[in-house]
Amino acid sequence: MTVHSLSSSAGPFPRGRARPGAMARAAIGAVPPSGLVILAILSVQIGAGLAKNLFAALPPSAVVFLRIAAGAAILTVVARPRLRGLSRRDLAAGAAFGVTLGVMNLSFYEALARLPMGICVTIEFLGPLGVAVAASHRRKDLLWVALAATGILLLAPWGQTSGLNWAGIAFAAVAGGCWAAYILLSAAVGGRFPGTSGLSFAMLVAVVVIAPIGVTSGGTALLTPELLLLGAGVGLLSSVIPYSVELEALRRMPKRVFGILMSLEPAMAALVGLVVLGEVLHLREWAAIICVVIASAGATRST
């Protein structure tokens, strides 16, 4: 992964001393690609658990703003976006990527405020599943669609005693659609921007998109030092680490293998929700998660 440093040889990092960008590149390069995918999955789910704990002090939109602002600040230091030499189409692709990131995170956090983590990620995962099925064009993939649909039907709050609600499901579905767009746009941005500079540019765009909503809803509470520190942690775990290592993993492994490994995300989310948040799921909900995981892995394997 090519990481652009902020400073030249005359900058704040003396010659002979490793710069943060070079150190991060070396550390990521030493991890096998499959390990990078697992690291990304675990990091983003732990970050989601930390963010959900913040909902007691801040509304979801304000937490999203803290997450994206912190992620953008960190990424800008590691990989400053360089716009020189880029065409209008390149910038448009990066801007579209940023808008998608902002809407995806906002929708996901609104769903997370209403649903258990495992359920939220399971519904959101229909986005990547749809991309995998669309890329395959095989009739047998209809079986995977049917299996995923079975899982979603198991999650639907048909009964009055269900702990789920339609609003949360709708927000998770929107996040899933944005996730599908993220997959498609990430390939385009990766080919147009060097290294991770496209991601840092997109994160800056996402900050602009989310700021009006997040600042209005959060108000002066956003200036609380403790909340700012926790928001920085969420940004690091949920944005900087997973997005960066996912881009590196995609450069070093087939997309099919990457997709199969990513299919573990709903199950990982359910486990993190259980350990971090104490969210105990019923047998029917675990069965739904397993259905979506198998469907996602099967559809990705056949592409």
Foldseek 3Di string as FASTA:
>chain_A
DDWDAPDDCPDPAHPPGDDPLRVVVVVLVVDALLVLLVLLLLLQLLLLLLLLVCCVPFPLLLLLLLQLVLLLVVSCRGHNADCPPADPVLVVLLLVLLQLVLLLSSLLSVLVNQDQQLLLVLLLQVLLLVLLLVVQPDPVLVVLVVLLVLLVVLQDPPDPPDSHDPSSSVSSNSSSNSVNVNVVSVVVNPVRGDQCSSVSSSSVSSSVVSVVVNCVRGPPVCVPVVSSVSSSSSNVRNPNSNVNSLVVSVVPDPVLVSQLSCLCNSVSSNVCSCVSVVDDDDPSNVSSSVSSSVSRNVSSNSD
